[in-house]
Amino acid sequence: MNTTEQLIPTPSDSADGTGSTRTDAVPSSVDPRTDLAAAVALAGRTLSAVRPGQYDAPTPCEEFDVRRLSSHLVAVVRRIAVIGRGEDPFSVPSFAAEIADGGWAAAWGPGAREVAEVWADPGVLGRQLRLPMGVLPGAAAAAVYTHELTVHTWDLARATGQEPAWDPALIERVIAVVRRALPAEPRGGRIPFGDVVEVAPQAPAIDRLVAWTGRRP
């Protein structure tokens, strides 16, 4: 599925041996909720621009066509709210299967508003939250889902011929986090990503980000 939330932290990756991801990958000078909110908003705009004739189109995430990816994105935004409340992420299915074709953009608004409400509390950043990958501090969880949404927004945009207005500074922060959380080697198995795709160092930030996740910009 090439999704960040499938990664499983190991004790060797954690600061305290519990399996929690190290928090030093999240810059202390940046409130990760700001980036998360921006990623939610951009994903919503991209989703709302999908046309009916594109639902069956393939995406760079090989297991998804546009229909399935749209359903997954709605599930992700719902899961972010549940996680922020400290609840079980698996209470939200990986796909919003009950939503009929074309209904994903309408479902996005309520999900995005719930995320904004739940994550408005600054205390969430220091709380230990349960993600599908394990228990992480809220600051790290926000960074994980900023990456998840950004990469899947790129998948959807590429599949539907869109060119979102990427924020290079935000993408650079995501790159800094994901390079620590997602090693270049090994890939496959418990690391559900393809090999890193080589791109020029001066390539746009979004190209360097998706290339690190095994996608070809």
C-alpha atoms as a PDB file:
ATOM      1  CA  MET A   1       0.000   0.000   0.000  1.00  0.00           C
ATOM      2  CA  ASN A   2       3.047   2.305   0.347  1.00  0.00           C
ATOM      3  CA  THR A   3       1.597   4.060   3.356  1.00  0.00           C
ATOM      4  CA  THR A   4       3.613   5.573   6.180  1.00  0.00           C
ATOM      5  CA  GLU A   5       1.277   4.366   8.907  1.00  0.00           C
ATOM      6  CA  GLN A   6       2.171   0.759   8.080  1.00  0.00           C
ATOM      7  CA  LEU A   7       5.738   1.228   9.286  1.00  0.00           C
ATOM      8  CA  ILE A   8       6.417  -0.545  12.557  1.00  0.00           C
ATOM      9  CA  PRO A   9       8.912   1.152  14.901  1.00  0.00           C
ATOM     10  CA  THR A  10      11.383  -1.156  16.569  1.00  0.00           C
ATOM     11  CA  PRO A  11      13.101  -0.694  19.940  1.00  0.00           C
ATOM     12  CA  SER A  12      16.354   0.161  18.175  1.00  0.00           C
ATOM     13  CA  ASP A  13      14.614   3.115  16.514  1.00  0.00           C
ATOM     14  CA  SER A  14      13.182   4.518  19.724  1.00  0.00           C
ATOM     15  CA  ALA A  15      14.481   6.810  22.374  1.00  0.00           C
ATOM     16  CA  ASP A  16      13.124   4.781  25.280  1.00  0.00           C
ATOM     17  CA  GLY A  17      13.131   1.195  24.003  1.00  0.00           C
ATOM     18  CA  THR A  18       9.335   1.045  23.887  1.00  0.00           C
ATOM     19  CA  GLY A  19       8.991   1.039  20.126  1.00  0.00           C
ATOM     20  CA  SER A  20       8.065   4.715  19.968  1.00  0.00           C
ATOM     21  CA  THR A  21       9.626   6.733  17.162  1.00  0.00           C
ATOM     22  CA  ARG A  22      12.287   9.221  18.213  1.00  0.00           C
ATOM     23  CA  THR A  23      10.959  12.757  18.439  1.00  0.00           C
ATOM     24  CA  ASP A  24      14.178  14.508  17.467  1.00  0.00           C
ATOM     25  CA  ALA A  25      13.072  14.170  13.826  1.00  0.00           C
ATOM     26  CA  VAL A  26      10.400  16.823  14.472  1.00  0.00           C
ATOM     27  CA  PRO A  27      11.887  20.358  14.484  1.00  0.00           C
ATOM     28  CA  SER A  28      11.024  22.011  17.794  1.00  0.00           C
ATOM     29  CA  SER A  29      10.739  25.430  16.129  1.00  0.00           C
ATOM     30  CA  VAL A  30       7.822  24.311  13.951  1.00  0.00           C
ATOM     31  CA  ASP A  31       4.420  23.381  15.296  1.00  0.00           C
ATOM     32  CA  PRO A  32       3.703  20.162  13.364  1.00  0.00           C
ATOM     33  CA  ARG A  33      -0.022  20.858  13.599  1.00  0.00           C
ATOM     34  CA  THR A  34       0.444  23.754  11.178  1.00  0.00           C
ATOM     35  CA  ASP A  35       1.918  21.458   8.551  1.00  0.00           C
ATOM     36  CA  LEU A  36      -0.730  18.832   9.232  1.00  0.00           C
ATOM     37  CA  ALA A  37      -3.501  21.394   8.717  1.00  0.00           C
ATOM     38  CA  ALA A  38      -1.931  22.528   5.444  1.00  0.00           C
ATOM     39  CA  ALA A  39      -1.646  18.922   4.233  1.00  0.00           C
ATOM     40  CA  VAL A  40      -5.284  18.258   5.120  1.00  0.00           C
ATOM     41  CA  ALA A  41      -6.390  21.369   3.215  1.00  0.00           C
ATOM     42  CA  LEU A  42      -4.359  20.562   0.098  1.00  0.00           C
ATOM     43  CA  ALA A  43      -5.562  16.961   0.045  1.00  0.00           C
ATOM     44  CA  GLY A  44      -9.141  18.204   0.256  1.00  0.00           C
ATOM     45  CA  ARG A  45      -8.707  20.619  -2.649  1.00  0.00           C
ATOM     46  CA  THR A  46      -7.119  17.924  -4.769  1.00  0.00           C
ATOM     47  CA  LEU A  47      -9.851  15.433  -3.943  1.00  0.00           C
ATOM     48  CA  SER A  48     -12.581  17.938  -4.819  1.00  0.00           C
ATOM     49  CA  ALA A  49     -11.113  18.387  -8.321  1.00  0.00           C
ATOM     50  CA  VAL A  50     -11.366  14.697  -9.250  1.00  0.00           C
ATOM     51  CA  ARG A  51     -13.783  14.129 -12.154  1.00  0.00           C
ATOM     52  CA  PRO A  52     -16.112  11.108 -12.580  1.00  0.00           C
ATOM     53  CA  GLY A  53     -14.299   9.910 -15.682  1.00  0.00           C
ATOM     54  CA  GLN A  54     -11.101   9.519 -13.645  1.00  0.00           C
ATOM     55  CA  TYR A  55     -12.338   7.129 -10.955  1.00  0.00           C
ATOM     56  CA  ASP A  56     -10.916   4.034 -12.656  1.00  0.00           C
ATOM     57  CA  ALA A  57      -7.566   5.623 -13.526  1.00  0.00           C
ATOM     58  CA  PRO A  58      -4.450   4.004 -12.039  1.00  0.00           C
ATOM     59  CA  THR A  59      -2.323   5.892  -9.532  1.00  0.00           C
ATOM     60  CA  PRO A  60       1.408   5.735  -8.738  1.00  0.00           C
ATOM     61  CA  CYS A  61       0.441   3.761  -5.636  1.00  0.00           C
ATOM     62  CA  GLU A  62       0.010   0.471  -7.465  1.00  0.00           C
ATOM     63  CA  GLU A  63      -2.697  -1.020  -5.246  1.00  0.00           C
ATOM     64  CA  PHE A  64      -4.987   1.981  -5.718  1.00  0.00           C
ATOM     65  CA  ASP A  65      -6.976   3.355  -8.562  1.00  0.00           C
ATOM     66  CA  VAL A  66      -8.406   6.856  -8.113  1.00  0.00           C
ATOM     67  CA  ARG A  67     -11.615   5.501  -6.606  1.00  0.00           C
ATOM     68  CA  ARG A  68      -9.829   3.408  -3.991  1.00  0.00           C
ATOM     69  CA  LEU A  69      -7.302   6.122  -3.176  1.00  0.00           C
ATOM     70  CA  SER A  70     -10.085   8.684  -2.705  1.00  0.00           C
ATOM     71  CA  SER A  71     -11.838   6.314  -0.321  1.00  0.00           C
ATOM     72  CA  HIS A  72      -8.597   5.737   1.567  1.00  0.00           C
ATOM     73  CA  LEU A  73      -7.901   9.452   1.922  1.00  0.00           C
ATOM     74  CA  VAL A  74     -11.275  10.022   3.565  1.00  0.00           C
ATOM     75  CA  ALA A  75     -10.526   7.159   5.945  1.00  0.00           C
ATOM     76  CA  VAL A  76      -7.131   8.682   6.746  1.00  0.00           C
ATOM     77  CA  VAL A  77      -8.562  12.078   7.693  1.00  0.00           C
ATOM     78  CA  ARG A  78     -11.116  10.359   9.925  1.00  0.00           C
ATOM     79  CA  ARG A  79      -8.373   8.290  11.527  1.00  0.00           C
ATOM     80  CA  ILE A  80      -6.266  11.368  12.273  1.00  0.00           C
ATOM     81  CA  ALA A  81      -9.107  12.752  14.388  1.00  0.00           C
ATOM     82  CA  VAL A  82      -9.596   9.464  16.227  1.00  0.00           C
ATOM     83  CA  ILE A  83      -5.882   9.224  16.943  1.00  0.00           C
ATOM     84  CA  GLY A  84      -5.772  12.789  18.253  1.00  0.00           C
ATOM     85  CA  ARG A  85      -8.500  11.898  20.750  1.00  0.00           C
ATOM     86  CA  GLY A  86      -6.361   9.027  22.008  1.00  0.00           C
ATOM     87  CA  GLU A  87      -8.697   6.379  20.659  1.00  0.00           C
ATOM     88  CA  ASP A  88      -8.068   3.153  18.740  1.00  0.00           C
ATOM     89  CA  PRO A  89      -6.966   3.891  15.150  1.00  0.00           C
ATOM     90  CA  PHE A  90      -8.275   0.522  14.032  1.00  0.00           C
ATOM     91  CA  SER A  91     -11.794   1.642  14.913  1.00  0.00           C
ATOM     92  CA  VAL A  92     -11.626   3.468  11.573  1.00  0.00           C
ATOM     93  CA  PRO A  93     -11.437   1.162   8.529  1.00  0.00           C
ATOM     94  CA  SER A  94      -8.714   1.835   5.974  1.00  0.00           C
ATOM     95  CA  PHE A  95     -11.348   2.714   3.378  1.00  0.00           C
ATOM     96  CA  ALA A  96     -14.564   4.728   3.575  1.00  0.00           C
ATOM     97  CA  ALA A  97     -16.389   1.984   1.707  1.00  0.00           C
ATOM     98  CA  GLU A  98     -19.837   3.331   2.552  1.00  0.00           C
ATOM     99  CA  ILE A  99     -19.288   6.471   0.454  1.00  0.00           C
ATOM    100  CA  ALA A 100     -20.671   6.255  -3.071  1.00  0.00           C
ATOM    101  CA  ASP A 101     -18.600   7.307  -6.077  1.00  0.00           C
ATOM    102  CA  GLY A 102     -18.179  11.062  -6.125  1.00  0.00           C
ATOM    103  CA  GLY A 103     -19.079  11.520  -2.468  1.00  0.00           C
ATOM    104  CA  TRP A 104     -15.531  11.706  -1.129  1.00  0.00           C
ATOM    105  CA  ALA A 105     -15.135  15.488  -1.378  1.00  0.00           C
ATOM    106  CA  ALA A 106     -18.383  16.047   0.527  1.00  0.00           C
ATOM    107  CA  ALA A 107     -17.192  13.661   3.248  1.00  0.00           C
ATOM    108  CA  TRP A 108     -13.832  15.413   3.467  1.00  0.00           C
ATOM    109  CA  GLY A 109     -15.193  18.635   4.964  1.00  0.00           C
ATOM    110  CA  PRO A 110     -16.598  17.075   8.157  1.00  0.00           C
ATOM    111  CA  GLY A 111     -13.464  14.966   8.573  1.00  0.00           C
ATOM    112  CA  ALA A 112     -11.173  17.963   8.160  1.00  0.00           C
ATOM    113  CA  ARG A 113     -13.190  20.036  10.632  1.00  0.00           C
ATOM    114  CA  GLU A 114     -13.006  17.249  13.188  1.00  0.00           C
ATOM    115  CA  VAL A 115      -9.234  17.065  12.780  1.00  0.00           C
ATOM    116  CA  ALA A 116      -8.976  20.826  13.328  1.00  0.00           C
ATOM    117  CA  GLU A 117     -11.090  20.633  16.484  1.00  0.00           C
ATOM    118  CA  VAL A 118      -9.292  17.645  18.003  1.00  0.00           C
ATOM    119  CA  TRP A 119      -5.782  18.891  17.239  1.00  0.00           C
ATOM    120  CA  ALA A 120      -6.469  22.475  18.361  1.00  0.00           C
ATOM    121  CA  ASP A 121      -5.357  21.505  21.868  1.00  0.00           C
ATOM    122  CA  PRO A 122      -1.587  22.116  22.042  1.00  0.00           C
ATOM    123  CA  GLY A 123      -1.362  19.428  24.699  1.00  0.00           C
ATOM    124  CA  VAL A 124      -1.935  16.781  22.044  1.00  0.00           C
ATOM    125  CA  LEU A 125       1.654  17.195  20.861  1.00  0.00           C
ATOM    126  CA  GLY A 126       3.102  15.769  24.058  1.00  0.00           C
ATOM    127  CA  ARG A 127       0.586  12.975  24.585  1.00  0.00           C
ATOM    128  CA  GLN A 128       1.364   9.394  23.666  1.00  0.00           C
ATOM    129  CA  LEU A 129      -1.002   8.430  20.865  1.00  0.00           C
ATOM    130  CA  ARG A 130      -1.704   5.060  19.320  1.00  0.00           C
ATOM    131  CA  LEU A 131      -1.139   4.785  15.576  1.00  0.00           C
ATOM    132  CA  PRO A 132      -1.333   1.656  13.405  1.00  0.00           C
ATOM    133  CA  MET A 133       2.486   1.602  13.518  1.00  0.00           C
ATOM    134  CA  GLY A 134       2.690   1.845  17.292  1.00  0.00           C
ATOM    135  CA  VAL A 135       2.631   4.421  20.079  1.00  0.00           C
ATOM    136  CA  LEU A 136       4.069   7.841  19.225  1.00  0.00           C
ATOM    137  CA  PRO A 137       4.057  11.315  20.760  1.00  0.00           C
ATOM    138  CA  GLY A 138       1.473  13.588  19.187  1.00  0.00           C
ATOM    139  CA  ALA A 139       4.152  15.740  17.535  1.00  0.00           C
ATOM    140  CA  ALA A 140       5.552  12.707  15.739  1.00  0.00           C
ATOM    141  CA  ALA A 141       2.053  11.489  14.841  1.00  0.00           C
ATOM    142  CA  ALA A 142       1.293  14.830  13.193  1.00  0.00           C
ATOM    143  CA  ALA A 143       4.483  14.539  11.148  1.00  0.00           C
ATOM    144  CA  VAL A 144       3.610  10.975  10.101  1.00  0.00           C
ATOM    145  CA  TYR A 145       0.234  12.019   8.780  1.00  0.00           C
ATOM    146  CA  THR A 146       1.560  15.154   7.100  1.00  0.00           C
ATOM    147  CA  HIS A 147       3.782  12.806   5.108  1.00  0.00           C
ATOM    148  CA  GLU A 148       0.968  10.310   4.505  1.00  0.00           C
ATOM    149  CA  LEU A 149      -1.392  12.965   3.191  1.00  0.00           C
ATOM    150  CA  THR A 150       1.241  14.763   1.126  1.00  0.00           C
ATOM    151  CA  VAL A 151       2.416  11.673  -0.709  1.00  0.00           C
ATOM    152  CA  HIS A 152      -1.109  10.416  -1.361  1.00  0.00           C
ATOM    153  CA  THR A 153      -2.113  13.883  -2.551  1.00  0.00           C
ATOM    154  CA  TRP A 154       0.729  13.656  -5.048  1.00  0.00           C
ATOM    155  CA  ASP A 155      -0.513  10.187  -6.080  1.00  0.00           C
ATOM    156  CA  LEU A 156      -4.007  11.535  -6.671  1.00  0.00           C
ATOM    157  CA  ALA A 157      -2.795  14.637  -8.448  1.00  0.00           C
ATOM    158  CA  ARG A 158      -0.543  12.652 -10.770  1.00  0.00           C
ATOM    159  CA  ALA A 159      -3.385  10.248 -11.607  1.00  0.00           C
ATOM    160  CA  THR A 160      -5.846  13.053 -12.364  1.00  0.00           C
ATOM    161  CA  GLY A 161      -3.603  15.563 -14.118  1.00  0.00           C
ATOM    162  CA  GLN A 162      -3.537  18.122 -11.315  1.00  0.00           C
ATOM    163  CA  GLU A 163      -0.679  20.367 -10.222  1.00  0.00           C
ATOM    164  CA  PRO A 164      -1.258  21.312  -6.586  1.00  0.00           C
ATOM    165  CA  ALA A 165       0.425  24.381  -5.118  1.00  0.00           C
ATOM    166  CA  TRP A 166       3.060  22.568  -3.063  1.00  0.00           C
ATOM    167  CA  ASP A 167       4.663  24.460  -0.188  1.00  0.00           C
ATOM    168  CA  PRO A 168       8.413  23.802  -0.643  1.00  0.00           C
ATOM    169  CA  ALA A 169       9.243  24.676   2.969  1.00  0.00           C
ATOM    170  CA  LEU A 170       6.644  22.235   4.281  1.00  0.00           C
ATOM    171  CA  ILE A 171       7.897  19.530   1.925  1.00  0.00           C
ATOM    172  CA  GLU A 172      11.481  20.064   3.093  1.00  0.00           C
ATOM    173  CA  ARG A 173      10.353  19.520   6.672  1.00  0.00           C
ATOM    174  CA  VAL A 174       8.549  16.344   5.634  1.00  0.00           C
ATOM    175  CA  ILE A 175      11.681  15.130   3.855  1.00  0.00           C
ATOM    176  CA  ALA A 176      13.768  15.705   6.982  1.00  0.00           C
ATOM    177  CA  VAL A 177      11.356  13.587   9.002  1.00  0.00           C
ATOM    178  CA  VAL A 178      10.805  10.784   6.515  1.00  0.00           C
ATOM    179  CA  ARG A 179      14.503  10.264   5.812  1.00  0.00           C
ATOM    180  CA  ARG A 180      14.944   9.445   9.496  1.00  0.00           C
ATOM    181  CA  ALA A 181      11.796   7.342   9.845  1.00  0.00           C
ATOM    182  CA  LEU A 182      12.014   5.488   6.524  1.00  0.00           C
ATOM    183  CA  PRO A 183      15.470   4.062   5.792  1.00  0.00           C
ATOM    184  CA  ALA A 184      16.759   3.790   2.236  1.00  0.00           C
ATOM    185  CA  GLU A 185      17.488   0.119   2.877  1.00  0.00           C
ATOM    186  CA  PRO A 186      16.016  -2.358   3.292  1.00  0.00           C
ATOM    187  CA  ARG A 187      12.758  -1.931   1.395  1.00  0.00           C
ATOM    188  CA  GLY A 188       9.986  -4.476   1.046  1.00  0.00           C
ATOM    189  CA  GLY A 189       8.490  -6.784   3.673  1.00  0.00           C
ATOM    190  CA  ARG A 190       7.882  -4.797   6.853  1.00  0.00           C
ATOM    191  CA  ILE A 191       9.039  -1.649   5.000  1.00  0.00           C
ATOM    192  CA  PRO A 192       6.171  -1.373   2.476  1.00  0.00           C
ATOM    193  CA  PHE A 193       7.906   0.924   0.007  1.00  0.00           C
ATOM    194  CA  GLY A 194       9.821   0.438  -3.229  1.00  0.00           C
ATOM    195  CA  ASP A 195      13.476   1.292  -3.661  1.00  0.00           C
ATOM    196  CA  VAL A 196      14.452   4.935  -3.540  1.00  0.00           C
ATOM    197  CA  VAL A 197      14.291   6.494  -7.005  1.00  0.00           C
ATOM    198  CA  GLU A 198      17.318   8.603  -7.864  1.00  0.00           C
ATOM    199  CA  VAL A 199      16.584  12.250  -8.657  1.00  0.00           C
ATOM    200  CA  ALA A 200      18.824  15.286  -8.974  1.00  0.00           C
ATOM    201  CA  PRO A 201      19.702  17.012  -5.678  1.00  0.00           C
ATOM    202  CA  GLN A 202      18.261  20.236  -7.093  1.00  0.00           C
ATOM    203  CA  ALA A 203      14.954  18.598  -8.079  1.00  0.00           C
ATOM    204  CA  PRO A 204      11.791  20.170  -6.634  1.00  0.00           C
ATOM    205  CA  ALA A 205      11.130  19.198  -3.045  1.00  0.00           C
ATOM    206  CA  ILE A 206       7.983  17.244  -3.894  1.00  0.00           C
ATOM    207  CA  ASP A 207       9.918  15.173  -6.452  1.00  0.00           C
ATOM    208  CA  ARG A 208      12.607  14.358  -3.908  1.00  0.00           C
ATOM    209  CA  LEU A 209       9.991  13.395  -1.341  1.00  0.00           C
ATOM    210  CA  VAL A 210       8.022  11.000  -3.529  1.00  0.00           C
ATOM    211  CA  ALA A 211      11.242   9.549  -4.967  1.00  0.00           C
ATOM    212  CA  TRP A 212      12.288   8.628  -1.431  1.00  0.00           C
ATOM    213  CA  THR A 213       9.052   6.629  -1.091  1.00  0.00           C
ATOM    214  CA  GLY A 214       9.834   4.674  -4.258  1.00  0.00           C
ATOM    215  CA  ARG A 215       7.696   6.669  -6.668  1.00  0.00           C
ATOM    216  CA  ARG A 216       8.960   7.974  -9.983  1.00  0.00           C
ATOM    217  CA  PRO A 217       8.348  11.746 -10.238  1.00  0.00           C
END
